[in-house]
Amino acid sequence: MKYQGVYWDLFAPMIRKSIAKRYGKELADRSIRRGKAEYRGLLARADELGPGNPMASNAYFAYAFAAAWLGGGKRLTPEEMGEVMTDVLNGPLLRFVFGMTDLNRTPKKWYKDMKKYEAWYRKNGGDYPVNWVVNFDESLHREGSYYYFTRCPICEFCEREGIGELMPALCATDEVMFRLQHGRLHREHTIAGGDNVCDYWVTGDKA
């Protein structure tokens, strides 16, 4: 993947703050100091997802946390690193950004966003085949947004890198993200959990 330092620069201070508060300043400093090189390395080895890919930010997000985890020598368990991810998402900046969306008012937002990605993939997937494969079933869950993936490049890459145990924590951030948008994620399956699909049924929290 093309190196994008803005994601590391954005998340690293928040990751450091959370690790320092929960597990000590020494580990926090080590995680960030060594994590920057880990981040560059992960991106250099990751499959290119394609220019203008609406989903690419998900990979940059995931690899920033994976890099900090590796930078700390995996001294945190995946579950503990998941707590750090939740701290970052619940921080003032991302609470504000995600809070600008109210899924009670725009319940089809994510359906529309995934349709935009589907259109991008139809046009570019031949050149960038290692990507998310999104599917829709219009007969299910008329309320809210419903879609599912049958391929996840983040999961594939983490497994290839030998850090697949971090995937459940990364997947769990979806629930936090939707909650910040006044929504709920109803999920039964994840590829990281050994299933064939990652399903997303997203509704407003007042639904």
C-alpha atoms as a PDB file:
ATOM      1  CA  MET A   1       0.000   0.000   0.000  1.00  0.00           C
ATOM      2  CA  LYS A   2       1.085   3.546  -0.587  1.00  0.00           C
ATOM      3  CA  TYR A   3       2.540   5.115   2.538  1.00  0.00           C
ATOM      4  CA  GLN A   4       0.161   7.608   4.162  1.00  0.00           C
ATOM      5  CA  GLY A   5       1.792   9.142   7.210  1.00  0.00           C
ATOM      6  CA  VAL A   6      -1.248  11.197   8.145  1.00  0.00           C
ATOM      7  CA  TYR A   7      -2.950   8.171   9.700  1.00  0.00           C
ATOM      8  CA  TRP A   8       0.019   7.401  11.938  1.00  0.00           C
ATOM      9  CA  ASP A   9       0.440  11.061  12.849  1.00  0.00           C
ATOM     10  CA  LEU A  10      -3.238  11.269  13.776  1.00  0.00           C
ATOM     11  CA  PHE A  11      -3.592   8.075  15.790  1.00  0.00           C
ATOM     12  CA  ALA A  12      -0.157   7.690  17.391  1.00  0.00           C
ATOM     13  CA  PRO A  13      -0.604  10.398  20.062  1.00  0.00           C
ATOM     14  CA  MET A  14      -4.002   8.990  21.038  1.00  0.00           C
ATOM     15  CA  ILE A  15      -2.633   5.452  21.155  1.00  0.00           C
ATOM     16  CA  ARG A  16       0.277   6.590  23.308  1.00  0.00           C
ATOM     17  CA  LYS A  17      -2.076   8.364  25.707  1.00  0.00           C
ATOM     18  CA  SER A  18      -4.262   5.295  26.156  1.00  0.00           C
ATOM     19  CA  ILE A  19      -1.379   2.849  26.632  1.00  0.00           C
ATOM     20  CA  ALA A  20       0.338   5.205  29.089  1.00  0.00           C
ATOM     21  CA  LYS A  21      -2.827   5.565  31.145  1.00  0.00           C
ATOM     22  CA  ARG A  22      -3.621   1.865  31.199  1.00  0.00           C
ATOM     23  CA  TYR A  23      -0.228   0.162  31.092  1.00  0.00           C
ATOM     24  CA  GLY A  24       2.485   2.726  31.773  1.00  0.00           C
ATOM     25  CA  LYS A  25       4.507   5.403  30.052  1.00  0.00           C
ATOM     26  CA  GLU A  26       7.471   3.155  29.272  1.00  0.00           C
ATOM     27  CA  LEU A  27       5.423   0.752  27.186  1.00  0.00           C
ATOM     28  CA  ALA A  28       3.544   3.629  25.559  1.00  0.00           C
ATOM     29  CA  ASP A  29       6.760   5.338  24.459  1.00  0.00           C
ATOM     30  CA  ARG A  30       8.216   2.093  23.164  1.00  0.00           C
ATOM     31  CA  SER A  31       5.050   1.235  21.249  1.00  0.00           C
ATOM     32  CA  ILE A  32       5.067   4.545  19.398  1.00  0.00           C
ATOM     33  CA  ARG A  33       8.833   4.872  18.965  1.00  0.00           C
ATOM     34  CA  ARG A  34       9.141   1.450  17.352  1.00  0.00           C
ATOM     35  CA  GLY A  35       5.649   1.458  15.933  1.00  0.00           C
ATOM     36  CA  LYS A  36       6.385   4.078  13.293  1.00  0.00           C
ATOM     37  CA  ALA A  37       8.857   1.785  11.552  1.00  0.00           C
ATOM     38  CA  GLU A  38       6.431  -1.121  11.951  1.00  0.00           C
ATOM     39  CA  TYR A  39       3.733   0.973  10.286  1.00  0.00           C
ATOM     40  CA  ARG A  40       5.965   1.675   7.286  1.00  0.00           C
ATOM     41  CA  GLY A  41       6.825  -1.993   7.054  1.00  0.00           C
ATOM     42  CA  LEU A  42       3.221  -3.150   7.210  1.00  0.00           C
ATOM     43  CA  LEU A  43       2.169  -0.761   4.457  1.00  0.00           C
ATOM     44  CA  ALA A  44       5.135  -1.780   2.295  1.00  0.00           C
ATOM     45  CA  ARG A  45       4.028  -5.428   2.513  1.00  0.00           C
ATOM     46  CA  ALA A  46       0.277  -4.878   2.294  1.00  0.00           C
ATOM     47  CA  ASP A  47      -1.598  -5.397  -0.970  1.00  0.00           C
ATOM     48  CA  GLU A  48      -2.348  -2.231  -2.920  1.00  0.00           C
ATOM     49  CA  LEU A  49      -6.061  -1.442  -2.600  1.00  0.00           C
ATOM     50  CA  GLY A  50      -6.224   1.114  -5.402  1.00  0.00           C
ATOM     51  CA  PRO A  51      -6.448   4.912  -5.706  1.00  0.00           C
ATOM     52  CA  GLY A  52      -9.722   6.461  -4.665  1.00  0.00           C
ATOM     53  CA  ASN A  53     -10.820   3.317  -2.824  1.00  0.00           C
ATOM     54  CA  PRO A  54     -13.546   4.442  -0.368  1.00  0.00           C
ATOM     55  CA  MET A  55     -12.640   1.586   1.984  1.00  0.00           C
ATOM     56  CA  ALA A  56      -8.875   2.079   2.104  1.00  0.00           C
ATOM     57  CA  SER A  57      -9.027   4.223   5.252  1.00  0.00           C
ATOM     58  CA  ASN A  58     -10.169   1.121   7.161  1.00  0.00           C
ATOM     59  CA  ALA A  59      -6.888  -0.590   6.351  1.00  0.00           C
ATOM     60  CA  TYR A  60      -4.778   2.421   7.334  1.00  0.00           C
ATOM     61  CA  PHE A  61      -6.694   2.591  10.622  1.00  0.00           C
ATOM     62  CA  ALA A  62      -6.140  -1.097  11.310  1.00  0.00           C
ATOM     63  CA  TYR A  63      -2.442  -1.075  10.449  1.00  0.00           C
ATOM     64  CA  ALA A  64      -1.738   1.937  12.667  1.00  0.00           C
ATOM     65  CA  PHE A  65      -2.981  -0.020  15.684  1.00  0.00           C
ATOM     66  CA  ALA A  66      -1.260  -3.203  14.557  1.00  0.00           C
ATOM     67  CA  ALA A  67       2.008  -1.272  14.224  1.00  0.00           C
ATOM     68  CA  ALA A  68       1.766   0.140  17.744  1.00  0.00           C
ATOM     69  CA  TRP A  69       1.002  -3.337  19.062  1.00  0.00           C
ATOM     70  CA  LEU A  70       4.041  -4.751  17.286  1.00  0.00           C
ATOM     71  CA  GLY A  71       6.140  -1.781  18.401  1.00  0.00           C
ATOM     72  CA  GLY A  72       5.349  -2.692  21.985  1.00  0.00           C
ATOM     73  CA  GLY A  73       6.576  -6.225  21.359  1.00  0.00           C
ATOM     74  CA  LYS A  74       3.062  -7.671  21.705  1.00  0.00           C
ATOM     75  CA  ARG A  75       3.309  -7.124  25.451  1.00  0.00           C
ATOM     76  CA  LEU A  76      -0.377  -6.255  25.404  1.00  0.00           C
ATOM     77  CA  THR A  77      -2.846  -9.036  24.774  1.00  0.00           C
ATOM     78  CA  PRO A  78      -5.113  -8.574  21.744  1.00  0.00           C
ATOM     79  CA  GLU A  79      -7.949  -7.858  24.177  1.00  0.00           C
ATOM     80  CA  GLU A  80      -5.903  -5.165  25.916  1.00  0.00           C
ATOM     81  CA  MET A  81      -5.045  -3.621  22.559  1.00  0.00           C
ATOM     82  CA  GLY A  82      -8.759  -3.678  21.825  1.00  0.00           C
ATOM     83  CA  GLU A  83      -9.293  -1.507  24.900  1.00  0.00           C
ATOM     84  CA  VAL A  84      -6.773   0.951  23.480  1.00  0.00           C
ATOM     85  CA  MET A  85      -8.682   1.037  20.187  1.00  0.00           C
ATOM     86  CA  THR A  86     -11.898   1.741  22.052  1.00  0.00           C
ATOM     87  CA  ASP A  87     -10.223   4.550  24.013  1.00  0.00           C
ATOM     88  CA  VAL A  88      -9.099   6.181  20.765  1.00  0.00           C
ATOM     89  CA  LEU A  89     -12.519   5.910  19.157  1.00  0.00           C
ATOM     90  CA  ASN A  90     -14.154   7.331  22.270  1.00  0.00           C
ATOM     91  CA  GLY A  91     -11.740  10.251  22.380  1.00  0.00           C
ATOM     92  CA  PRO A  92     -13.023  13.791  21.754  1.00  0.00           C
ATOM     93  CA  LEU A  93     -11.907  14.001  18.115  1.00  0.00           C
ATOM     94  CA  LEU A  94     -13.493  10.831  16.783  1.00  0.00           C
ATOM     95  CA  ARG A  95     -16.561  11.202  18.982  1.00  0.00           C
ATOM     96  CA  PHE A  96     -17.092  14.556  17.297  1.00  0.00           C
ATOM     97  CA  VAL A  97     -16.419  13.259  13.781  1.00  0.00           C
ATOM     98  CA  PHE A  98     -18.635  10.184  14.045  1.00  0.00           C
ATOM     99  CA  GLY A  99     -21.225  12.063  16.082  1.00  0.00           C
ATOM    100  CA  MET A 100     -21.937  14.254  13.078  1.00  0.00           C
ATOM    101  CA  THR A 101     -23.894  11.283  11.698  1.00  0.00           C
ATOM    102  CA  ASP A 102     -27.193  10.266  13.256  1.00  0.00           C
ATOM    103  CA  LEU A 103     -28.295   6.891  11.930  1.00  0.00           C
ATOM    104  CA  ASN A 104     -31.779   7.485  13.257  1.00  0.00           C
ATOM    105  CA  ARG A 105     -32.109  10.316  10.748  1.00  0.00           C
ATOM    106  CA  THR A 106     -30.154   8.697   7.923  1.00  0.00           C
ATOM    107  CA  PRO A 107     -30.689   4.957   8.443  1.00  0.00           C
ATOM    108  CA  LYS A 108     -29.567   4.058   4.901  1.00  0.00           C
ATOM    109  CA  LYS A 109     -26.252   5.922   5.090  1.00  0.00           C
ATOM    110  CA  TRP A 110     -24.033   2.853   5.166  1.00  0.00           C
ATOM    111  CA  TYR A 111     -26.049   1.047   2.516  1.00  0.00           C
ATOM    112  CA  LYS A 112     -25.479   4.018   0.212  1.00  0.00           C
ATOM    113  CA  ASP A 113     -21.788   4.200   1.120  1.00  0.00           C
ATOM    114  CA  MET A 114     -21.309   0.510   0.372  1.00  0.00           C
ATOM    115  CA  LYS A 115     -23.115   0.945  -2.940  1.00  0.00           C
ATOM    116  CA  LYS A 116     -20.546   3.619  -3.807  1.00  0.00           C
ATOM    117  CA  TYR A 117     -17.767   1.206  -2.911  1.00  0.00           C
ATOM    118  CA  GLU A 118     -19.421  -1.523  -4.994  1.00  0.00           C
ATOM    119  CA  ALA A 119     -19.408   0.809  -7.985  1.00  0.00           C
ATOM    120  CA  TRP A 120     -15.732   1.626  -7.390  1.00  0.00           C
ATOM    121  CA  TYR A 121     -14.870  -2.071  -7.172  1.00  0.00           C
ATOM    122  CA  ARG A 122     -16.744  -2.932 -10.360  1.00  0.00           C
ATOM    123  CA  LYS A 123     -14.622  -0.360 -12.158  1.00  0.00           C
ATOM    124  CA  ASN A 124     -11.264  -1.042 -10.483  1.00  0.00           C
ATOM    125  CA  GLY A 125     -11.417  -4.527  -9.021  1.00  0.00           C
ATOM    126  CA  GLY A 126      -9.719  -6.105 -12.015  1.00  0.00           C
ATOM    127  CA  ASP A 127      -6.606  -4.051 -11.352  1.00  0.00           C
ATOM    128  CA  TYR A 128      -6.794  -4.424  -7.558  1.00  0.00           C
ATOM    129  CA  PRO A 129      -8.321  -7.853  -6.939  1.00  0.00           C
ATOM    130  CA  VAL A 130      -7.237  -8.155  -3.279  1.00  0.00           C
ATOM    131  CA  ASN A 131     -10.068  -6.092  -1.855  1.00  0.00           C
ATOM    132  CA  TRP A 132     -13.364  -6.241  -0.030  1.00  0.00           C
ATOM    133  CA  VAL A 133     -16.128  -8.075  -1.874  1.00  0.00           C
ATOM    134  CA  VAL A 134     -19.453  -6.591  -0.803  1.00  0.00           C
ATOM    135  CA  ASN A 135     -22.867  -8.158  -1.317  1.00  0.00           C
ATOM    136  CA  PHE A 136     -26.443  -7.071  -0.716  1.00  0.00           C
ATOM    137  CA  ASP A 137     -29.701  -8.912  -0.104  1.00  0.00           C
ATOM    138  CA  GLU A 138     -32.607  -6.554  -0.642  1.00  0.00           C
ATOM    139  CA  SER A 139     -35.065  -9.059   0.836  1.00  0.00           C
ATOM    140  CA  LEU A 140     -33.505  -8.894   4.308  1.00  0.00           C
ATOM    141  CA  HIS A 141     -33.712  -6.219   6.970  1.00  0.00           C
ATOM    142  CA  ARG A 142     -35.610  -3.433   5.253  1.00  0.00           C
ATOM    143  CA  GLU A 143     -34.927  -1.195   8.226  1.00  0.00           C
ATOM    144  CA  GLY A 144     -31.472   0.361   8.349  1.00  0.00           C
ATOM    145  CA  SER A 145     -28.552  -0.762   6.171  1.00  0.00           C
ATOM    146  CA  TYR A 146     -27.727  -4.377   5.408  1.00  0.00           C
ATOM    147  CA  TYR A 147     -24.725  -5.728   3.513  1.00  0.00           C
ATOM    148  CA  TYR A 148     -22.067  -8.389   3.929  1.00  0.00           C
ATOM    149  CA  PHE A 149     -18.507  -9.058   2.834  1.00  0.00           C
ATOM    150  CA  THR A 150     -17.184 -12.350   1.516  1.00  0.00           C
ATOM    151  CA  ARG A 151     -13.583 -11.125   1.416  1.00  0.00           C
ATOM    152  CA  CYS A 152     -11.597  -8.854   3.737  1.00  0.00           C
ATOM    153  CA  PRO A 153      -8.055  -7.808   2.735  1.00  0.00           C
ATOM    154  CA  ILE A 154      -7.254  -6.695   6.288  1.00  0.00           C
ATOM    155  CA  CYS A 155      -8.019 -10.139   7.654  1.00  0.00           C
ATOM    156  CA  GLU A 156      -6.042 -11.833   4.891  1.00  0.00           C
ATOM    157  CA  PHE A 157      -3.031  -9.584   5.438  1.00  0.00           C
ATOM    158  CA  CYS A 158      -3.024  -9.950   9.212  1.00  0.00           C
ATOM    159  CA  GLU A 159      -3.156 -13.726   8.868  1.00  0.00           C
ATOM    160  CA  ARG A 160      -0.293 -13.614   6.394  1.00  0.00           C
ATOM    161  CA  GLU A 161       1.722 -11.434   8.780  1.00  0.00           C
ATOM    162  CA  GLY A 162       1.129 -13.788  11.685  1.00  0.00           C
ATOM    163  CA  ILE A 163      -0.946 -11.268  13.642  1.00  0.00           C
ATOM    164  CA  GLY A 164      -4.386 -12.692  12.968  1.00  0.00           C
ATOM    165  CA  GLU A 165      -5.094 -12.848  16.700  1.00  0.00           C
ATOM    166  CA  LEU A 166      -5.564  -9.074  16.636  1.00  0.00           C
ATOM    167  CA  MET A 167      -8.456  -9.276  14.161  1.00  0.00           C
ATOM    168  CA  PRO A 168     -11.322  -9.836  16.648  1.00  0.00           C
ATOM    169  CA  ALA A 169     -10.346  -6.621  18.442  1.00  0.00           C
ATOM    170  CA  LEU A 170     -10.210  -4.757  15.138  1.00  0.00           C
ATOM    171  CA  CYS A 171     -13.607  -6.149  14.124  1.00  0.00           C
ATOM    172  CA  ALA A 172     -15.062  -5.043  17.468  1.00  0.00           C
ATOM    173  CA  THR A 173     -14.293  -1.403  16.642  1.00  0.00           C
ATOM    174  CA  ASP A 174     -17.166  -1.518  14.135  1.00  0.00           C
ATOM    175  CA  GLU A 175     -19.673  -1.734  16.977  1.00  0.00           C
ATOM    176  CA  VAL A 176     -18.085   1.261  18.723  1.00  0.00           C
ATOM    177  CA  MET A 177     -18.010   3.311  15.536  1.00  0.00           C
ATOM    178  CA  PHE A 178     -21.682   2.737  14.798  1.00  0.00           C
ATOM    179  CA  ARG A 179     -22.628   3.469  18.410  1.00  0.00           C
ATOM    180  CA  LEU A 180     -20.946   6.872  18.095  1.00  0.00           C
ATOM    181  CA  GLN A 181     -23.222   7.476  15.115  1.00  0.00           C
ATOM    182  CA  HIS A 182     -26.300   6.816  17.274  1.00  0.00           C
ATOM    183  CA  GLY A 183     -26.595   3.371  15.779  1.00  0.00           C
ATOM    184  CA  ARG A 184     -26.390  -0.330  16.527  1.00  0.00           C
ATOM    185  CA  LEU A 185     -24.582  -3.096  14.697  1.00  0.00           C
ATOM    186  CA  HIS A 186     -26.431  -6.412  14.607  1.00  0.00           C
ATOM    187  CA  ARG A 187     -23.857  -9.026  13.574  1.00  0.00           C
ATOM    188  CA  GLU A 188     -23.816 -12.798  13.573  1.00  0.00           C
ATOM    189  CA  HIS A 189     -20.709 -13.655  11.555  1.00  0.00           C
ATOM    190  CA  THR A 190     -17.146 -12.465  10.925  1.00  0.00           C
ATOM    191  CA  ILE A 191     -14.513 -13.794   8.555  1.00  0.00           C
ATOM    192  CA  ALA A 192     -11.943 -13.305  11.323  1.00  0.00           C
ATOM    193  CA  GLY A 193     -14.015 -15.637  13.485  1.00  0.00           C
ATOM    194  CA  GLY A 194     -13.858 -18.396  10.867  1.00  0.00           C
ATOM    195  CA  ASP A 195     -17.112 -17.659   9.060  1.00  0.00           C
ATOM    196  CA  ASN A 196     -17.527 -17.200   5.316  1.00  0.00           C
ATOM    197  CA  VAL A 197     -18.944 -13.699   5.658  1.00  0.00           C
ATOM    198  CA  CYS A 198     -18.824 -10.521   7.718  1.00  0.00           C
ATOM    199  CA  ASP A 199     -22.396  -9.329   8.018  1.00  0.00           C
ATOM    200  CA  TYR A 200     -23.533  -5.810   8.808  1.00  0.00           C
ATOM    201  CA  TRP A 201     -27.064  -4.882   9.745  1.00  0.00           C
ATOM    202  CA  VAL A 202     -26.876  -1.317  10.984  1.00  0.00           C
ATOM    203  CA  THR A 203     -29.858   0.511  12.484  1.00  0.00           C
ATOM    204  CA  GLY A 204     -30.398   3.649  14.488  1.00  0.00           C
ATOM    205  CA  ASP A 205     -30.283   3.139  18.235  1.00  0.00           C
ATOM    206  CA  LYS A 206     -33.918   4.212  18.481  1.00  0.00           C
ATOM    207  CA  ALA A 207     -35.112   1.678  15.926  1.00  0.00           C
END
